[in-house]
C-alpha atoms as a PDB file:
ATOM      1  CA  MET A   1     126.632  20.188 -80.962  1.00  0.00           C
ATOM      2  CA  LYS A   2     125.422  23.729 -80.189  1.00  0.00           C
ATOM      3  CA  LEU A   3     126.758  26.609 -78.205  1.00  0.00           C
ATOM      4  CA  ILE A   4     124.204  27.921 -75.720  1.00  0.00           C
ATOM      5  CA  PHE A   5     124.912  31.494 -74.815  1.00  0.00           C
ATOM      6  CA  PRO A   6     123.027  34.738 -75.400  1.00  0.00           C
ATOM      7  CA  PHE A   7     124.259  37.106 -78.124  1.00  0.00           C
ATOM      8  CA  PHE A   8     124.793  40.057 -75.819  1.00  0.00           C
ATOM      9  CA  ILE A   9     127.341  38.086 -73.814  1.00  0.00           C
ATOM     10  CA  LEU A  10     129.323  37.344 -76.982  1.00  0.00           C
ATOM     11  CA  LEU A  11     129.315  41.045 -77.926  1.00  0.00           C
ATOM     12  CA  LEU A  12     130.485  42.064 -74.465  1.00  0.00           C
ATOM     13  CA  ILE A  13     133.358  39.581 -74.531  1.00  0.00           C
ATOM     14  CA  SER A  14     134.372  40.549 -78.101  1.00  0.00           C
ATOM     15  CA  ALA A  15     134.367  44.210 -77.253  1.00  0.00           C
ATOM     16  CA  SER A  16     136.516  43.867 -74.155  1.00  0.00           C
ATOM     17  CA  GLY A  17     138.807  40.972 -75.109  1.00  0.00           C
ATOM     18  CA  SER A  18     139.313  38.134 -72.667  1.00  0.00           C
ATOM     19  CA  ALA A  19     137.685  39.810 -69.709  1.00  0.00           C
ATOM     20  CA  GLN A  20     138.948  38.776 -66.263  1.00  0.00           C
ATOM     21  CA  VAL A  21     137.560  39.265 -62.789  1.00  0.00           C
ATOM     22  CA  SER A  22     139.313  39.160 -59.410  1.00  0.00           C
ATOM     23  CA  ALA A  23     136.413  37.705 -57.419  1.00  0.00           C
ATOM     24  CA  LEU A  24     133.079  35.841 -57.819  1.00  0.00           C
ATOM     25  CA  ASN A  25     129.837  36.806 -56.119  1.00  0.00           C
ATOM     26  CA  GLU A  26     126.990  35.422 -58.202  1.00  0.00           C
ATOM     27  CA  ASN A  27     123.543  34.478 -56.931  1.00  0.00           C
ATOM     28  CA  PHE A  28     121.770  34.623 -60.361  1.00  0.00           C
ATOM     29  CA  ASP A  29     119.087  36.951 -58.903  1.00  0.00           C
ATOM     30  CA  ILE A  30     119.518  39.510 -61.697  1.00  0.00           C
ATOM     31  CA  SER A  31     120.288  37.352 -64.748  1.00  0.00           C
ATOM     32  CA  CYS A  32     117.601  34.743 -63.872  1.00  0.00           C
ATOM     33  CA  ALA A  33     114.903  36.822 -62.263  1.00  0.00           C
ATOM     34  CA  THR A  34     112.372  36.011 -64.961  1.00  0.00           C
ATOM     35  CA  SER A  35     114.195  33.939 -67.565  1.00  0.00           C
ATOM     36  CA  THR A  36     113.977  30.131 -67.768  1.00  0.00           C
ATOM     37  CA  GLY A  37     116.609  29.813 -70.534  1.00  0.00           C
ATOM     38  CA  PRO A  38     120.377  30.045 -70.401  1.00  0.00           C
ATOM     39  CA  SER A  39     120.484  33.730 -69.397  1.00  0.00           C
ATOM     40  CA  TYR A  40     124.091  33.870 -68.215  1.00  0.00           C
ATOM     41  CA  PRO A  41     125.438  36.525 -65.860  1.00  0.00           C
ATOM     42  CA  THR A  42     128.095  38.866 -67.297  1.00  0.00           C
ATOM     43  CA  TYR A  43     131.160  36.933 -68.514  1.00  0.00           C
ATOM     44  CA  TRP A  44     129.678  33.541 -67.680  1.00  0.00           C
ATOM     45  CA  SER A  45     129.091  31.081 -70.510  1.00  0.00           C
ATOM     46  CA  GLY A  46     128.113  27.470 -71.268  1.00  0.00           C
ATOM     47  CA  PHE A  47     128.680  24.682 -73.715  1.00  0.00           C
ATOM     48  CA  CYS A  48     126.366  21.806 -74.495  1.00  0.00           C
ATOM     49  CA  MET A  49     127.958  18.767 -76.116  1.00  0.00           C
ATOM     50  CA  TYR A  50     124.657  17.576 -77.631  1.00  0.00           C
ATOM     51  CA  SER A  51     121.776  19.239 -79.308  1.00  0.00           C
ATOM     52  CA  PRO A  52     119.430  20.957 -76.852  1.00  0.00           C
ATOM     53  CA  ALA A  53     116.648  18.814 -78.296  1.00  0.00           C
ATOM     54  CA  SER A  54     118.019  16.018 -76.133  1.00  0.00           C
ATOM     55  CA  ALA A  55     120.504  17.753 -73.814  1.00  0.00           C
ATOM     56  CA  LEU A  56     118.826  20.405 -71.735  1.00  0.00           C
ATOM     57  CA  GLY A  57     122.005  22.125 -70.634  1.00  0.00           C
ATOM     58  CA  TRP A  58     122.376  24.714 -67.850  1.00  0.00           C
ATOM     59  CA  ASN A  59     119.403  27.030 -67.568  1.00  0.00           C
ATOM     60  CA  CYS A  60     117.931  29.629 -65.271  1.00  0.00           C
ATOM     61  CA  SER A  61     115.526  28.451 -62.625  1.00  0.00           C
ATOM     62  CA  PRO A  62     113.745  31.622 -61.368  1.00  0.00           C
ATOM     63  CA  LEU A  63     112.413  29.977 -58.189  1.00  0.00           C
ATOM     64  CA  GLY A  64     114.675  26.906 -58.019  1.00  0.00           C
ATOM     65  CA  GLY A  65     117.640  28.432 -56.126  1.00  0.00           C
ATOM     66  CA  ARG A  66     118.260  28.352 -52.433  1.00  0.00           C
ATOM     67  CA  GLY A  67     115.386  29.903 -50.492  1.00  0.00           C
ATOM     68  CA  SER A  68     113.215  29.904 -53.651  1.00  0.00           C
ATOM     69  CA  THR A  69     115.456  32.575 -55.218  1.00  0.00           C
ATOM     70  CA  PRO A  70     116.806  32.276 -58.780  1.00  0.00           C
ATOM     71  CA  GLY A  71     119.455  29.626 -59.416  1.00  0.00           C
ATOM     72  CA  PHE A  72     121.000  27.693 -62.306  1.00  0.00           C
ATOM     73  CA  ASP A  73     120.089  24.100 -63.010  1.00  0.00           C
ATOM     74  CA  CYS A  74     120.842  21.243 -65.436  1.00  0.00           C
ATOM     75  CA  ASN A  75     118.030  18.737 -65.922  1.00  0.00           C
ATOM     76  CA  SER A  76     118.422  15.624 -68.057  1.00  0.00           C
ATOM     77  CA  TYR A  77     115.295  13.828 -66.751  1.00  0.00           C
ATOM     78  CA  ILE A  78     111.953  15.206 -67.864  1.00  0.00           C
ATOM     79  CA  ALA A  79     108.508  13.682 -68.459  1.00  0.00           C
ATOM     80  CA  GLY A  80     109.784  10.275 -67.451  1.00  0.00           C
ATOM     81  CA  VAL A  81     112.571  10.233 -70.007  1.00  0.00           C
ATOM     82  CA  HIS A  82     116.366  10.274 -69.472  1.00  0.00           C
ATOM     83  CA  TYR A  83     118.416  12.279 -71.975  1.00  0.00           C
ATOM     84  CA  THR A  84     122.088  11.974 -72.831  1.00  0.00           C
ATOM     85  CA  ASP A  85     123.699  15.191 -71.618  1.00  0.00           C
ATOM     86  CA  THR A  86     127.175  16.606 -71.096  1.00  0.00           C
ATOM     87  CA  ALA A  87     126.691  20.208 -70.161  1.00  0.00           C
ATOM     88  CA  TRP A  88     129.281  22.704 -69.005  1.00  0.00           C
ATOM     89  CA  LEU A  89     128.842  25.976 -67.119  1.00  0.00           C
ATOM     90  CA  PHE A  90     131.866  28.328 -67.011  1.00  0.00           C
ATOM     91  CA  THR A  91     132.672  31.164 -64.606  1.00  0.00           C
ATOM     92  CA  PRO A  92     134.381  34.287 -65.878  1.00  0.00           C
ATOM     93  CA  ILE A  93     138.164  34.107 -66.189  1.00  0.00           C
ATOM     94  CA  LEU A  94     139.465  34.431 -62.628  1.00  0.00           C
ATOM     95  CA  ASN A  95     142.672  36.379 -61.987  1.00  0.00           C
ATOM     96  CA  LEU A  96     143.486  35.877 -58.321  1.00  0.00           C
ATOM     97  CA  SER A  97     147.208  36.646 -58.535  1.00  0.00           C
ATOM     98  CA  GLY A  98     146.791  39.784 -56.462  1.00  0.00           C
ATOM     99  CA  ASN A  99     145.285  37.826 -53.557  1.00  0.00           C
ATOM    100  CA  SER A 100     147.909  37.201 -50.854  1.00  0.00           C
ATOM    101  CA  ASP A 101     145.653  34.999 -48.742  1.00  0.00           C
ATOM    102  CA  ASN A 102     144.247  31.512 -49.331  1.00  0.00           C
ATOM    103  CA  ILE A 103     141.266  31.490 -51.668  1.00  0.00           C
ATOM    104  CA  PHE A 104     138.313  29.143 -51.898  1.00  0.00           C
ATOM    105  CA  ILE A 105     135.275  28.861 -54.107  1.00  0.00           C
ATOM    106  CA  ARG A 106     132.042  28.531 -52.165  1.00  0.00           C
ATOM    107  CA  TYR A 107     128.732  27.419 -53.712  1.00  0.00           C
ATOM    108  CA  ASP A 108     125.387  25.882 -52.731  1.00  0.00           C
ATOM    109  CA  SER A 109     124.086  22.821 -54.563  1.00  0.00           C
ATOM    110  CA  LYS A 110     121.438  20.081 -54.519  1.00  0.00           C
ATOM    111  CA  TYR A 111     120.233  17.361 -56.842  1.00  0.00           C
ATOM    112  CA  GLU A 112     116.931  15.602 -57.454  1.00  0.00           C
ATOM    113  CA  PHE A 113     116.331  12.140 -58.792  1.00  0.00           C
ATOM    114  CA  ALA A 114     119.236   9.720 -59.317  1.00  0.00           C
ATOM    115  CA  ALA A 115     121.749  12.238 -60.709  1.00  0.00           C
ATOM    116  CA  SER A 116     125.397  11.446 -61.189  1.00  0.00           C
ATOM    117  CA  LYS A 117     127.875  13.573 -59.234  1.00  0.00           C
ATOM    118  CA  LEU A 118     128.393  17.166 -60.290  1.00  0.00           C
ATOM    119  CA  LYS A 119     132.033  17.759 -61.272  1.00  0.00           C
ATOM    120  CA  VAL A 120     133.919  21.000 -60.677  1.00  0.00           C
ATOM    121  CA  LEU A 121     137.045  21.564 -62.812  1.00  0.00           C
ATOM    122  CA  VAL A 122     139.711  24.212 -63.380  1.00  0.00           C
ATOM    123  CA  SER A 123     141.583  25.076 -66.560  1.00  0.00           C
ATOM    124  CA  SER A 124     144.167  27.797 -67.286  1.00  0.00           C
ATOM    125  CA  ASP A 125     144.269  27.137 -71.041  1.00  0.00           C
ATOM    126  CA  TYR A 126     140.602  26.667 -72.046  1.00  0.00           C
ATOM    127  CA  VAL A 127     139.410  29.156 -74.691  1.00  0.00           C
ATOM    128  CA  LYS A 128     135.803  30.178 -74.078  1.00  0.00           C
ATOM    129  CA  TYR A 129     133.120  29.154 -76.632  1.00  0.00           C
ATOM    130  CA  THR A 130     135.255  26.263 -77.946  1.00  0.00           C
ATOM    131  CA  ARG A 131     134.743  22.559 -77.267  1.00  0.00           C
ATOM    132  CA  PRO A 132     135.917  21.951 -73.673  1.00  0.00           C
ATOM    133  CA  ASP A 133     137.081  18.415 -74.593  1.00  0.00           C
ATOM    134  CA  SER A 134     139.384  19.668 -77.394  1.00  0.00           C
ATOM    135  CA  ASN A 135     142.837  18.190 -77.572  1.00  0.00           C
ATOM    136  CA  GLY A 136     145.333  20.175 -75.548  1.00  0.00           C
ATOM    137  CA  VAL A 137     142.868  21.545 -73.045  1.00  0.00           C
ATOM    138  CA  ASP A 138     143.984  20.556 -69.575  1.00  0.00           C
ATOM    139  CA  TRP A 139     141.239  20.212 -66.983  1.00  0.00           C
ATOM    140  CA  ASN A 140     141.967  19.608 -63.258  1.00  0.00           C
ATOM    141  CA  GLU A 141     139.049  18.130 -61.335  1.00  0.00           C
ATOM    142  CA  ILE A 142     138.770  19.841 -57.953  1.00  0.00           C
ATOM    143  CA  SER A 143     135.407  18.504 -56.881  1.00  0.00           C
ATOM    144  CA  THR A 144     137.150  15.515 -55.318  1.00  0.00           C
ATOM    145  CA  THR A 145     138.497  17.908 -52.599  1.00  0.00           C
ATOM    146  CA  ALA A 146     135.179  19.631 -51.900  1.00  0.00           C
ATOM    147  CA  MET A 147     134.266  20.128 -48.224  1.00  0.00           C
ATOM    148  CA  PRO A 148     131.870  18.570 -47.432  1.00  0.00           C
ATOM    149  CA  GLU A 149     132.064  15.858 -50.048  1.00  0.00           C
ATOM    150  CA  ILE A 150     129.641  16.093 -53.003  1.00  0.00           C
ATOM    151  CA  GLY A 151     127.285  13.180 -52.515  1.00  0.00           C
ATOM    152  CA  HIS A 152     124.106  11.847 -50.988  1.00  0.00           C
ATOM    153  CA  ASP A 153     123.556  14.825 -48.625  1.00  0.00           C
ATOM    154  CA  ASP A 154     123.067  17.047 -51.705  1.00  0.00           C
ATOM    155  CA  SER A 155     119.945  15.081 -52.459  1.00  0.00           C
ATOM    156  CA  LEU A 156     118.417  15.776 -49.017  1.00  0.00           C
ATOM    157  CA  ASP A 157     118.675  19.527 -48.996  1.00  0.00           C
ATOM    158  CA  TRP A 158     120.953  22.392 -50.025  1.00  0.00           C
ATOM    159  CA  VAL A 159     124.636  21.864 -49.135  1.00  0.00           C
ATOM    160  CA  THR A 160     127.270  24.594 -49.039  1.00  0.00           C
ATOM    161  CA  HIS A 161     130.575  23.351 -50.478  1.00  0.00           C
ATOM    162  CA  PHE A 162     134.052  24.881 -50.291  1.00  0.00           C
ATOM    163  CA  ILE A 163     136.959  24.008 -52.628  1.00  0.00           C
ATOM    164  CA  ASP A 164     140.508  25.322 -52.257  1.00  0.00           C
ATOM    165  CA  LEU A 165     141.711  27.317 -55.264  1.00  0.00           C
ATOM    166  CA  THR A 166     144.935  28.592 -53.719  1.00  0.00           C
ATOM    167  CA  SER A 167     147.276  26.428 -55.752  1.00  0.00           C
ATOM    168  CA  PHE A 168     145.835  27.766 -59.079  1.00  0.00           C
ATOM    169  CA  LYS A 169     145.922  31.512 -58.370  1.00  0.00           C
ATOM    170  CA  ALA A 170     149.286  32.246 -59.967  1.00  0.00           C
ATOM    171  CA  THR A 171     147.727  31.996 -63.462  1.00  0.00           C
ATOM    172  CA  PRO A 172     144.297  33.160 -64.682  1.00  0.00           C
ATOM    173  CA  PHE A 173     141.862  30.276 -64.913  1.00  0.00           C
ATOM    174  CA  ILE A 174     138.259  29.260 -65.443  1.00  0.00           C
ATOM    175  CA  VAL A 175     136.097  27.165 -63.093  1.00  0.00           C
ATOM    176  CA  ALA A 176     133.678  24.798 -64.837  1.00  0.00           C
ATOM    177  CA  PHE A 177     130.631  22.964 -63.426  1.00  0.00           C
ATOM    178  CA  LYS A 178     130.156  19.815 -65.519  1.00  0.00           C
ATOM    179  CA  TYR A 179     127.120  17.515 -65.455  1.00  0.00           C
ATOM    180  CA  THR A 180     126.967  14.258 -67.403  1.00  0.00           C
ATOM    181  CA  SER A 181     124.024  11.894 -67.781  1.00  0.00           C
ATOM    182  CA  THR A 182     122.973   9.011 -70.016  1.00  0.00           C
ATOM    183  CA  ASN A 183     119.739   7.837 -71.679  1.00  0.00           C
ATOM    184  CA  VAL A 184     119.164   5.482 -68.734  1.00  0.00           C
ATOM    185  CA  SER A 185     120.189   7.635 -65.719  1.00  0.00           C
ATOM    186  CA  GLY A 186     120.241  11.275 -64.775  1.00  0.00           C
ATOM    187  CA  GLY A 187     118.449  13.991 -62.842  1.00  0.00           C
ATOM    188  CA  ARG A 188     118.625  17.649 -61.984  1.00  0.00           C
ATOM    189  CA  TRP A 189     121.551  19.557 -60.358  1.00  0.00           C
ATOM    190  CA  THR A 190     120.911  23.113 -59.138  1.00  0.00           C
ATOM    191  CA  ILE A 191     123.633  25.512 -57.975  1.00  0.00           C
ATOM    192  CA  ASP A 192     123.416  28.940 -56.365  1.00  0.00           C
ATOM    193  CA  ASN A 193     125.370  31.596 -54.438  1.00  0.00           C
ATOM    194  CA  ILE A 194     128.783  31.036 -56.062  1.00  0.00           C
ATOM    195  CA  MET A 195     131.535  33.192 -54.591  1.00  0.00           C
ATOM    196  CA  THR A 196     135.213  33.316 -53.789  1.00  0.00           C
ATOM    197  CA  THR A 197     136.299  33.660 -50.163  1.00  0.00           C
ATOM    198  CA  PRO A 198     139.530  33.418 -48.154  1.00  0.00           C
ATOM    199  CA  TRP A 199     137.869  30.969 -45.823  1.00  0.00           C
ATOM    200  CA  GLY A 200     137.192  27.242 -46.255  1.00  0.00           C
ATOM    201  CA  LEU A 201     134.930  24.995 -44.232  1.00  0.00           C
ATOM    202  CA  ASN A 202     137.776  23.941 -41.960  1.00  0.00           C
ATOM    203  CA  VAL A 203     139.260  27.297 -41.034  1.00  0.00           C
ATOM    204  CA  THR A 204     141.882  25.655 -38.766  1.00  0.00           C
ATOM    205  CA  ASN A 205     143.631  24.449 -41.896  1.00  0.00           C
ATOM    206  CA  LEU A 206     144.547  28.049 -42.700  1.00  0.00           C
ATOM    207  CA  SER A 207     146.763  28.556 -39.641  1.00  0.00           C
ATOM    208  CA  LYS A 208     150.475  29.057 -40.142  1.00  0.00           C
ATOM    209  CA  GLU A 209     150.939  28.123 -36.530  1.00  0.00           C
ATOM    210  CA  ALA A 210     147.618  27.406 -34.822  1.00  0.00           C
ATOM    211  CA  LEU A 211     146.325  30.152 -32.585  1.00  0.00           C
ATOM    212  CA  PRO A 212     143.423  28.728 -30.589  1.00  0.00           C
ATOM    213  CA  ILE A 213     140.326  30.883 -30.938  1.00  0.00           C
ATOM    214  CA  SER A 214     136.769  30.117 -29.826  1.00  0.00           C
ATOM    215  CA  ILE A 215     133.462  31.969 -29.948  1.00  0.00           C
ATOM    216  CA  LEU A 216     131.717  32.356 -26.607  1.00  0.00           C
ATOM    217  CA  GLY A 217     127.934  32.258 -26.411  1.00  0.00           C
ATOM    218  CA  THR A 218     125.674  33.120 -29.328  1.00  0.00           C
ATOM    219  CA  PRO A 219     126.862  35.938 -31.574  1.00  0.00           C
ATOM    220  CA  ASN A 220     124.360  38.620 -32.607  1.00  0.00           C
ATOM    221  CA  SER A 221     124.337  41.547 -34.933  1.00  0.00           C
ATOM    222  CA  SER A 222     125.874  43.924 -32.374  1.00  0.00           C
ATOM    223  CA  GLN A 223     128.176  41.708 -30.309  1.00  0.00           C
ATOM    224  CA  ILE A 224     130.554  38.721 -30.602  1.00  0.00           C
ATOM    225  CA  ASN A 225     132.463  37.384 -27.618  1.00  0.00           C
ATOM    226  CA  VAL A 226     135.855  35.789 -28.410  1.00  0.00           C
ATOM    227  CA  SER A 227     138.371  33.816 -26.415  1.00  0.00           C
ATOM    228  CA  CYS A 228     141.984  33.238 -27.540  1.00  0.00           C
ATOM    229  CA  THR A 229     145.063  31.627 -25.999  1.00  0.00           C
ATOM    230  CA  PHE A 230     148.337  33.387 -26.761  1.00  0.00           C
ATOM    231  CA  ALA A 231     151.670  31.641 -26.407  1.00  0.00           C
ATOM    232  CA  LEU A 232     153.482  34.974 -26.466  1.00  0.00           C
ATOM    233  CA  ALA A 233     152.496  38.488 -25.431  1.00  0.00           C
ATOM    234  CA  GLY A 234     152.539  41.114 -28.132  1.00  0.00           C
ATOM    235  CA  ALA A 235     150.645  43.086 -30.760  1.00  0.00           C
ATOM    236  CA  TYR A 236     147.999  41.281 -32.828  1.00  0.00           C
ATOM    237  CA  LYS A 237     145.292  42.301 -35.293  1.00  0.00           C
ATOM    238  CA  LEU A 238     141.716  41.108 -34.807  1.00  0.00           C
ATOM    239  CA  ALA A 239     139.363  41.244 -37.765  1.00  0.00           C
ATOM    240  CA  ILE A 240     135.845  40.018 -38.596  1.00  0.00           C
ATOM    241  CA  TYR A 241     135.315  38.951 -42.253  1.00  0.00           C
ATOM    242  CA  ASP A 242     132.137  38.051 -44.117  1.00  0.00           C
ATOM    243  CA  LEU A 243     132.014  35.133 -46.591  1.00  0.00           C
ATOM    244  CA  MET A 244     133.226  37.406 -49.372  1.00  0.00           C
ATOM    245  CA  GLY A 245     136.384  38.206 -47.406  1.00  0.00           C
ATOM    246  CA  ARG A 246     135.301  41.811 -46.722  1.00  0.00           C
ATOM    247  CA  VAL A 247     136.361  43.292 -43.389  1.00  0.00           C
ATOM    248  CA  ALA A 248     133.287  44.060 -41.267  1.00  0.00           C
ATOM    249  CA  TYR A 249     135.274  45.071 -38.151  1.00  0.00           C
ATOM    250  CA  SER A 250     138.921  45.297 -37.049  1.00  0.00           C
ATOM    251  CA  GLN A 251     140.997  46.444 -34.089  1.00  0.00           C
ATOM    252  CA  GLU A 252     144.537  46.211 -32.758  1.00  0.00           C
ATOM    253  CA  LEU A 253     145.197  43.989 -29.714  1.00  0.00           C
ATOM    254  CA  HIS A 254     148.049  44.217 -27.190  1.00  0.00           C
ATOM    255  CA  THR A 255     147.932  40.984 -25.320  1.00  0.00           C
ATOM    256  CA  ARG A 256     149.667  39.134 -22.503  1.00  0.00           C
ATOM    257  CA  SER A 257     150.455  35.432 -22.730  1.00  0.00           C
ATOM    258  CA  GLY A 258     147.705  33.006 -21.760  1.00  0.00           C
ATOM    259  CA  THR A 259     143.968  32.975 -22.403  1.00  0.00           C
ATOM    260  CA  GLN A 260     142.111  36.238 -22.804  1.00  0.00           C
ATOM    261  CA  ASP A 261     138.489  37.034 -23.599  1.00  0.00           C
ATOM    262  CA  PHE A 262     137.350  39.938 -25.773  1.00  0.00           C
ATOM    263  CA  VAL A 263     133.933  41.539 -26.118  1.00  0.00           C
ATOM    264  CA  LEU A 264     133.485  42.905 -29.636  1.00  0.00           C
ATOM    265  CA  ASP A 265     130.469  45.212 -29.399  1.00  0.00           C
ATOM    266  CA  GLY A 266     128.996  48.145 -31.238  1.00  0.00           C
ATOM    267  CA  LEU A 267     128.924  45.957 -34.386  1.00  0.00           C
ATOM    268  CA  SER A 268     126.410  46.232 -37.202  1.00  0.00           C
ATOM    269  CA  LEU A 269     126.333  42.807 -38.779  1.00  0.00           C
ATOM    270  CA  ASN A 270     123.704  41.198 -40.982  1.00  0.00           C
ATOM    271  CA  LYS A 271     122.553  37.641 -40.269  1.00  0.00           C
ATOM    272  CA  GLY A 272     124.899  34.973 -41.649  1.00  0.00           C
ATOM    273  CA  MET A 273     128.325  33.410 -41.357  1.00  0.00           C
ATOM    274  CA  TYR A 274     131.390  35.422 -40.326  1.00  0.00           C
ATOM    275  CA  PHE A 275     134.970  34.575 -39.482  1.00  0.00           C
ATOM    276  CA  VAL A 276     136.949  36.050 -36.628  1.00  0.00           C
ATOM    277  CA  LYS A 277     140.705  36.130 -37.323  1.00  0.00           C
ATOM    278  CA  ILE A 278     143.535  37.073 -34.936  1.00  0.00           C
ATOM    279  CA  SER A 279     147.005  37.328 -36.353  1.00  0.00           C
ATOM    280  CA  ASN A 280     150.515  38.767 -36.335  1.00  0.00           C
ATOM    281  CA  ASN A 281     153.548  38.146 -38.519  1.00  0.00           C
ATOM    282  CA  SER A 282     154.183  34.622 -37.282  1.00  0.00           C
ATOM    283  CA  THR A 283     150.870  33.081 -36.388  1.00  0.00           C
ATOM    284  CA  TYR A 284     147.136  33.324 -36.889  1.00  0.00           C
ATOM    285  CA  GLY A 285     143.957  31.509 -36.135  1.00  0.00           C
ATOM    286  CA  ALA A 286     140.295  31.848 -37.113  1.00  0.00           C
ATOM    287  CA  ALA A 287     136.916  30.766 -35.821  1.00  0.00           C
ATOM    288  CA  LYS A 288     133.456  30.751 -37.442  1.00  0.00           C
ATOM    289  CA  ALA A 289     130.680  32.888 -35.931  1.00  0.00           C
ATOM    290  CA  MET A 290     127.093  32.462 -37.060  1.00  0.00           C
ATOM    291  CA  VAL A 291     125.180  35.660 -36.413  1.00  0.00           C
ATOM    292  CA  GLU A 292     121.489  34.967 -35.693  1.00  0.00           C
END
């Protein structure tokens, strides 16, 4: 049994107590730019249940992340040999109590060889740098609710998964990525681009009272065309969010009942996924917009 974390992380935690963060946005580009060892980002940590001589644990992969950028991987199959491995990777302590919206964790993953499924778990009572399987530590597996499901598609290419964290946000908690293998089966899991976001894969699940919204045509960096059907006339707020939940654009709407189209122009958006949300005090709806 051996803890695998760099000394400077321990000093940082010790100096500041049980550090907490209110959001995640980690792509490992800084911490893993050149390192191939367990160079954790600030406040991240790991625990390897077996000696690193046989359990390779979570390590930096400078070119192994999505788009050949840095990522974090756990490999228990090397040079034709399977190694017994139970390796944990922990996020910083998340304090999401100030977030009034739904909250999801979003991450990219893929596996190679015949790896067992990666598990994602949450605990509000785990003490960092102690054994994660200690008596009294309560872990809730949340990977069973991942959208899309963690499975075979992860072996074909990178998959972006969303998991709902909303029910846990009242109390600070840690998210853990756990990989287990044996001496007869295993492989490599790689994860990248881990962040919290108010949007899940199925944005319609977030509606209090569904407000039908659709994206017209192909969005671009300067313009998105939106259509929405309103049951009641009134004042609404329209906002465009990026995957981190940051507002990229907003405006007030005064609508009539029925279907209306809106041209949102003069935007300055980067390529990627955005969400268009229209809401008032009693209803809201959202639609995904991929900016090319």
